[in-house]
Amino acid sequence: MNHYISQYFARNLNKDAPVTNPSSYKFDIVYDAQNGDFSRHVMSAKQLGEAITAMSGLIEDASELLNPHEEAPVVRVTAPAKEGSFAVSFELAWMTAGHAIEILRYLGIGGVASTIVGGSLWEVSRRLGDKNIINVETTKDSDQATIQVDGADIMCEENVALLATNPKIRAHIAKLVSAPLQEKNAPVFKIVSEQNTLVELKDQQVTELVPMPPRTKLADDVSVESVNVRFPQVNFNGPKGWKMELHGKEHTVTMDDEAFLEQVKANEKSFSKEDLFEVDLEITEAHYAQAKIAKKTSYAIKKVTRHRTSNDRKII
């Protein structure tokens, strides 16, 4: 016997008004296994709550990633009485129907998912599994992307890659699919609409849907600021081995201004660690899939623009 979580998606421009659009999109999430309580239409309150939250987060975060300038969809939960089954119903209200249908298509639960090159989010997430993501390559002339992982390249549509390499999306999927079916015999997860199976995952396919490895490095945040610094440690022979004092704190920094390096070499005797320099400082913040892992910040001086000292001692 199957265990259903029914979901009802409908368009409604007023978030607080009842969803009355008769052309609502409906589908069921089905959990099944040879052991456990699913045959009695029972799921633990904790797992049910996490599954509901995961589906809500999956839809909302996917919308934010794919349509960042559109209002986020609203996911509602109701609990209709259904004889002989355990059901939870959802309603999704969105401002622009076309965008919502496109999101459901990339998730593999609406539209024609087979037209997505490389597969929907479910298939690409399975192929990624617990592999470390090295890089995601995209081109301006194509909507295709290449996800580089240890020992393989995975080709898919750019929007699918955006979703499948997002730690929040992957965590939602794991809580929705693999967590409720953990330690179950012959586990099955389905998404069904009007008797049509849109997504079906069995056995190992279920366990392959896991969160991203915590130390997976995400895209860097890079910015350039004009700041004043001092150099308590210098290396007259190269870009490494430099330290700067910024806002009262000392940081290791790379000196990428080759012209300044040459000028420092030529004026080594007049260089003072107390001198103040105005520089264009590149700040790179590295982020990781697991938010608990501290971000790493690195610094590089792209150009030294001013030496704040008397004219007779100026290096630049």
Protein backbone atom coordinates (compact mmCIF):
# COMPACT_ATOMS: atom_id res chain seq x y z
CA MET A 1 0.00 0.00 0.00
CA ASN A 2 1.27 3.46 -0.90
CA HIS A 3 1.67 6.49 1.33
CA TYR A 4 0.53 9.70 -0.35
CA ILE A 5 1.31 13.33 0.17
CA SER A 6 -1.06 15.12 -2.24
CA GLN A 7 -0.14 18.54 -3.58
CA TYR A 8 -2.38 21.04 -5.30
CA PHE A 9 -0.90 23.94 -7.24
CA ALA A 10 -3.08 26.80 -8.46
CA ARG A 11 -2.60 30.34 -9.73
CA ASN A 12 -3.92 33.15 -7.56
CA LEU A 13 -2.83 36.77 -7.58
CA ASN A 14 -4.06 37.43 -4.02
CA LYS A 15 -1.97 35.52 -1.48
CA ASP A 16 -4.61 35.76 1.22
CA ALA A 17 -7.59 34.84 -0.92
CA PRO A 18 -8.78 31.26 -1.44
CA VAL A 19 -7.34 29.51 -4.47
CA THR A 20 -10.32 29.19 -6.83
CA ASN A 21 -8.72 28.77 -10.24
CA PRO A 22 -10.31 25.63 -11.72
CA SER A 23 -7.22 24.87 -13.87
CA SER A 24 -5.09 24.03 -10.84
CA TYR A 25 -2.19 21.66 -11.29
CA LYS A 26 -2.35 18.62 -9.06
CA PHE A 27 0.04 15.83 -8.29
CA ASP A 28 0.78 13.31 -5.56
CA ILE A 29 3.99 12.39 -3.86
CA VAL A 30 4.07 8.65 -3.13
CA TYR A 31 6.23 6.83 -0.60
CA ASP A 32 6.29 3.03 -0.68
CA ALA A 33 8.36 0.22 0.82
CA GLN A 34 8.10 -3.44 1.76
CA ASN A 35 8.57 -2.71 5.45
CA GLY A 36 7.66 0.07 7.85
CA ASP A 37 4.38 1.89 8.45
CA PHE A 38 3.60 3.13 4.94
CA SER A 39 1.25 0.19 4.36
CA ARG A 40 -0.86 1.52 7.27
CA HIS A 41 -0.79 5.06 5.82
CA VAL A 42 1.39 6.20 8.72
CA MET A 43 4.45 8.47 8.73
CA SER A 44 6.16 9.92 11.78
CA ALA A 45 5.22 13.49 12.61
CA LYS A 46 8.86 14.59 12.35
CA GLN A 47 9.37 13.03 8.92
CA LEU A 48 6.07 14.40 7.65
CA GLY A 49 6.90 17.89 8.88
CA GLU A 50 10.34 17.77 7.27
CA ALA A 51 8.87 16.46 4.00
CA ILE A 52 6.33 19.30 3.88
CA THR A 53 9.01 21.87 4.68
CA ALA A 54 11.36 20.34 2.10
CA MET A 55 8.79 20.54 -0.72
CA SER A 56 7.92 24.10 0.23
CA GLY A 57 11.60 25.06 0.36
CA LEU A 58 12.33 23.27 -2.92
CA ILE A 59 9.65 25.20 -4.81
CA GLU A 60 10.41 28.57 -3.19
CA ASP A 61 14.20 28.37 -3.46
CA ALA A 62 14.02 27.11 -7.06
CA SER A 63 11.82 30.09 -7.89
CA GLU A 64 14.28 32.46 -6.23
CA LEU A 65 17.18 31.01 -8.21
CA LEU A 66 15.44 30.87 -11.60
CA ASN A 67 13.28 34.02 -11.30
CA PRO A 68 15.01 36.28 -8.76
CA HIS A 69 13.00 39.36 -9.76
CA GLU A 70 9.61 37.69 -9.47
CA GLU A 71 7.61 37.46 -6.26
CA ALA A 72 8.23 34.14 -4.53
CA PRO A 73 5.40 31.60 -4.73
CA VAL A 74 3.24 30.94 -1.70
CA VAL A 75 2.89 27.32 -0.62
CA ARG A 76 -0.16 26.50 1.46
CA VAL A 77 -0.99 23.30 3.32
CA THR A 78 -4.46 21.85 3.97
CA ALA A 79 -5.49 18.48 5.35
CA PRO A 80 -8.58 17.05 3.66
CA ALA A 81 -10.13 13.91 5.08
CA LYS A 82 -9.64 10.95 2.76
CA GLU A 83 -10.98 7.57 3.71
CA GLY A 84 -8.35 4.87 3.92
CA SER A 85 -5.33 7.05 3.27
CA PHE A 86 -3.07 9.62 4.88
CA ALA A 87 -2.91 12.80 2.80
CA VAL A 88 -1.59 16.33 3.00
CA SER A 89 -2.58 18.83 0.34
CA PHE A 90 -0.59 21.83 -0.86
CA GLU A 91 -1.59 24.92 -2.78
CA LEU A 92 0.95 27.03 -4.64
CA ALA A 93 -0.02 30.58 -5.59
CA TRP A 94 2.18 32.50 -8.01
CA MET A 95 2.11 35.88 -9.67
CA THR A 96 3.12 34.74 -13.18
CA ALA A 97 1.83 31.36 -14.29
CA GLY A 98 4.41 30.94 -17.07
CA HIS A 99 7.32 31.26 -14.65
CA ALA A 100 5.76 28.77 -12.22
CA ILE A 101 5.19 26.18 -14.95
CA GLU A 102 8.81 26.61 -16.07
CA ILE A 103 10.01 25.99 -12.50
CA LEU A 104 7.91 22.82 -12.26
CA ARG A 105 9.32 21.70 -15.60
CA TYR A 106 12.92 21.94 -14.40
CA LEU A 107 11.95 20.12 -11.23
CA GLY A 108 10.53 17.36 -13.44
CA ILE A 109 7.00 17.66 -12.09
CA GLY A 110 5.34 19.81 -14.74
CA GLY A 111 5.54 20.31 -18.48
CA VAL A 112 7.57 17.97 -20.66
CA ALA A 113 10.67 17.12 -18.61
CA SER A 114 11.98 14.83 -21.36
CA THR A 115 12.78 17.92 -23.43
CA ILE A 116 15.36 19.02 -20.87
CA VAL A 117 18.80 18.12 -22.22
CA GLY A 118 20.74 16.10 -19.67
CA GLY A 119 17.68 15.39 -17.52
CA SER A 120 15.70 17.15 -14.82
CA LEU A 121 16.91 18.16 -11.38
CA TRP A 122 16.26 14.67 -9.97
CA GLU A 123 18.43 12.91 -12.55
CA VAL A 124 21.31 15.37 -12.38
CA SER A 125 21.26 15.38 -8.57
CA ARG A 126 21.44 11.58 -8.58
CA ARG A 127 24.44 11.63 -10.91
CA LEU A 128 26.19 14.17 -8.69
CA GLY A 129 25.51 12.16 -5.52
CA ASP A 130 28.23 12.81 -2.96
CA LYS A 131 30.83 13.88 -5.54
CA ASN A 132 32.75 17.08 -4.98
CA ILE A 133 31.82 19.76 -7.50
CA ILE A 134 34.96 21.33 -8.92
CA ASN A 135 33.50 23.86 -11.33
CA VAL A 136 30.45 24.76 -13.43
CA GLU A 137 31.18 25.96 -16.96
CA THR A 138 28.68 27.97 -19.01
CA THR A 139 28.89 29.84 -22.32
CA LYS A 140 27.11 32.95 -23.59
CA ASP A 141 26.08 31.21 -26.82
CA SER A 142 24.30 28.27 -25.19
CA ASP A 143 21.89 27.45 -22.38
CA GLN A 144 23.89 24.29 -21.64
CA ALA A 145 26.29 23.85 -18.72
CA THR A 146 29.05 21.43 -17.78
CA ILE A 147 29.34 20.43 -14.13
CA GLN A 148 32.88 19.24 -13.44
CA VAL A 149 33.16 16.66 -10.66
CA ASP A 150 35.89 14.25 -9.60
CA GLY A 151 36.64 12.14 -12.65
CA ALA A 152 33.67 13.17 -14.80
CA ASP A 153 31.81 15.95 -16.61
CA ILE A 154 28.02 16.15 -16.36
CA MET A 155 26.20 17.98 -19.15
CA CYS A 156 22.80 19.55 -18.47
CA GLU A 157 20.78 22.70 -18.97
CA GLU A 158 22.14 25.79 -17.24
CA ASN A 159 19.05 26.23 -15.05
CA VAL A 160 19.24 22.60 -13.91
CA ALA A 161 22.93 23.08 -13.08
CA LEU A 162 22.04 26.20 -11.08
CA LEU A 163 19.59 24.16 -9.01
CA ALA A 164 21.62 20.95 -8.68
CA THR A 165 24.72 22.77 -7.43
CA ASN A 166 22.83 24.78 -4.82
CA PRO A 167 23.25 23.35 -1.29
CA LYS A 168 19.77 24.43 -0.15
CA ILE A 169 18.07 22.71 -3.10
CA ARG A 170 20.05 19.52 -2.58
CA ALA A 171 19.24 19.49 1.14
CA HIS A 172 15.52 19.87 0.38
CA ILE A 173 15.65 16.92 -2.01
CA ALA A 174 17.42 14.69 0.49
CA LYS A 175 14.87 15.49 3.21
CA LEU A 176 11.99 14.97 0.80
CA VAL A 177 13.13 11.68 -0.78
CA SER A 178 15.89 9.73 0.94
CA ALA A 179 15.25 10.67 4.60
CA PRO A 180 11.69 9.23 4.84
CA LEU A 181 12.80 6.06 3.02
CA GLN A 182 15.98 5.48 5.01
CA GLU A 183 16.50 1.81 6.02
CA LYS A 184 13.39 0.77 4.08
CA ASN A 185 13.32 -2.40 1.97
CA ALA A 186 12.70 -1.80 -1.74
CA PRO A 187 12.05 1.94 -1.27
CA VAL A 188 10.04 3.76 -3.92
CA PHE A 189 9.44 7.48 -4.39
CA LYS A 190 7.02 8.74 -7.02
CA ILE A 191 5.45 11.94 -8.20
CA VAL A 192 2.18 11.20 -9.96
CA SER A 193 -0.25 13.47 -11.80
CA GLU A 194 -3.57 12.26 -13.22
CA GLN A 195 -2.41 8.64 -13.20
CA ASN A 196 0.83 9.58 -15.00
CA THR A 197 4.11 8.91 -13.23
CA LEU A 198 6.29 12.00 -13.64
CA VAL A 199 9.14 10.92 -11.36
CA GLU A 200 9.92 7.42 -10.13
CA LEU A 201 12.93 6.52 -8.03
CA LYS A 202 13.61 3.03 -6.71
CA ASP A 203 16.13 1.34 -4.43
CA GLN A 204 19.61 2.78 -5.04
CA GLN A 205 18.19 5.73 -6.96
CA VAL A 206 16.56 6.86 -3.70
CA THR A 207 19.77 6.67 -1.67
CA GLU A 208 21.72 8.54 -4.36
CA LEU A 209 19.85 11.75 -3.54
CA VAL A 210 22.07 13.16 -0.80
CA PRO A 211 23.09 16.67 0.31
CA MET A 212 26.16 18.23 -1.24
CA PRO A 213 29.45 17.33 0.49
CA PRO A 214 29.91 19.97 3.22
CA ARG A 215 33.31 21.11 1.96
CA THR A 216 32.15 21.62 -1.62
CA LYS A 217 33.43 25.04 -2.62
CA LEU A 218 30.80 27.36 -4.05
CA ALA A 219 31.29 30.39 -6.27
CA ASP A 220 33.60 33.05 -4.85
CA ASP A 221 32.40 36.55 -4.00
CA VAL A 222 34.95 38.97 -5.48
CA SER A 223 35.04 42.72 -4.95
CA VAL A 224 37.60 45.50 -5.42
CA GLU A 225 37.87 48.38 -2.95
CA SER A 226 40.07 51.45 -2.75
CA VAL A 227 41.65 51.40 0.72
CA ASN A 228 44.66 52.69 2.67
CA VAL A 229 47.12 50.11 3.99
CA ARG A 230 50.56 49.75 5.51
CA PHE A 231 53.02 46.93 4.77
CA PRO A 232 54.54 45.51 7.99
CA GLN A 233 56.12 42.70 5.92
CA VAL A 234 57.39 42.95 2.36
CA ASN A 235 59.20 40.78 -0.17
CA PHE A 236 61.30 42.78 -2.59
CA ASN A 237 61.68 39.75 -4.87
CA GLY A 238 58.12 38.70 -5.64
CA PRO A 239 54.34 38.91 -5.11
CA LYS A 240 54.20 36.43 -2.20
CA GLY A 241 55.43 37.04 1.35
CA TRP A 242 53.65 40.38 1.77
CA LYS A 243 51.50 41.39 4.72
CA MET A 244 49.30 44.47 5.03
CA GLU A 245 47.69 46.29 7.90
CA LEU A 246 44.05 47.03 7.10
CA HIS A 247 41.64 48.61 9.58
CA GLY A 248 44.00 47.80 12.44
CA LYS A 249 44.39 44.10 11.53
CA GLU A 250 47.22 42.31 9.76
CA HIS A 251 46.48 40.13 6.72
CA THR A 252 48.53 38.13 4.24
CA VAL A 253 48.23 39.71 0.80
CA THR A 254 49.47 39.03 -2.72
CA MET A 255 51.15 41.94 -4.52
CA ASP A 256 49.92 41.77 -8.13
CA ASP A 257 51.11 45.25 -9.12
CA GLU A 258 54.33 44.41 -11.00
CA ALA A 259 55.14 48.07 -11.68
CA PHE A 260 55.02 48.82 -7.97
CA LEU A 261 57.27 45.83 -7.25
CA GLU A 262 59.90 47.23 -9.61
CA GLN A 263 59.64 50.66 -8.00
CA VAL A 264 60.02 49.15 -4.52
CA LYS A 265 63.16 47.30 -5.60
CA ALA A 266 64.63 50.54 -6.96
CA ASN A 267 63.79 52.46 -3.76
CA GLU A 268 64.40 49.76 -1.15
CA LYS A 269 66.32 52.04 1.20
CA SER A 270 63.56 54.67 1.33
CA PHE A 271 60.76 52.14 1.97
CA SER A 272 59.29 52.32 5.48
CA LYS A 273 56.85 49.92 7.13
CA GLU A 274 55.05 52.92 8.62
CA ASP A 275 54.26 54.43 5.21
CA LEU A 276 50.65 54.56 4.13
CA PHE A 277 49.63 53.48 0.62
CA GLU A 278 46.35 53.82 -1.22
CA VAL A 279 45.63 50.63 -3.17
CA ASP A 280 42.99 48.87 -5.22
CA LEU A 281 42.42 45.78 -3.08
CA GLU A 282 40.71 42.68 -4.45
CA ILE A 283 38.83 40.78 -1.75
CA THR A 284 37.83 37.18 -2.46
CA GLU A 285 35.45 35.35 -0.13
CA ALA A 286 35.24 31.57 -0.62
CA HIS A 287 31.98 29.95 0.48
CA TYR A 288 31.23 26.27 1.12
CA ALA A 289 28.12 24.09 0.90
CA GLN A 290 28.01 23.63 4.68
CA ALA A 291 27.23 27.03 6.17
CA LYS A 292 28.94 26.03 9.43
CA ILE A 293 32.30 25.93 7.62
CA ALA A 294 33.82 29.38 7.96
CA LYS A 295 34.26 31.30 4.74
CA LYS A 296 37.84 31.97 3.70
CA THR A 297 38.89 35.47 2.71
CA SER A 298 41.96 36.21 0.59
CA TYR A 299 43.44 39.53 -0.52
CA ALA A 300 45.35 40.72 -3.57
CA ILE A 301 46.58 44.22 -4.35
CA LYS A 302 45.82 44.88 -8.01
CA LYS A 303 47.32 48.36 -8.12
CA VAL A 304 49.06 50.78 -5.77
CA THR A 305 47.67 54.18 -6.64
CA ARG A 306 49.26 56.52 -4.11
CA HIS A 307 52.12 56.75 -1.61
CA ARG A 308 51.01 58.99 1.25
CA THR A 309 54.30 60.55 2.35
CA SER A 310 56.45 63.60 1.72
CA ASN A 311 57.33 64.33 -1.91
CA ASP A 312 61.02 63.55 -1.42
CA ARG A 313 60.20 59.98 -0.27
CA LYS A 314 57.39 59.08 -2.68
CA ILE A 315 57.93 55.79 -4.48
CA ILE A 316 55.03 56.45 -6.86
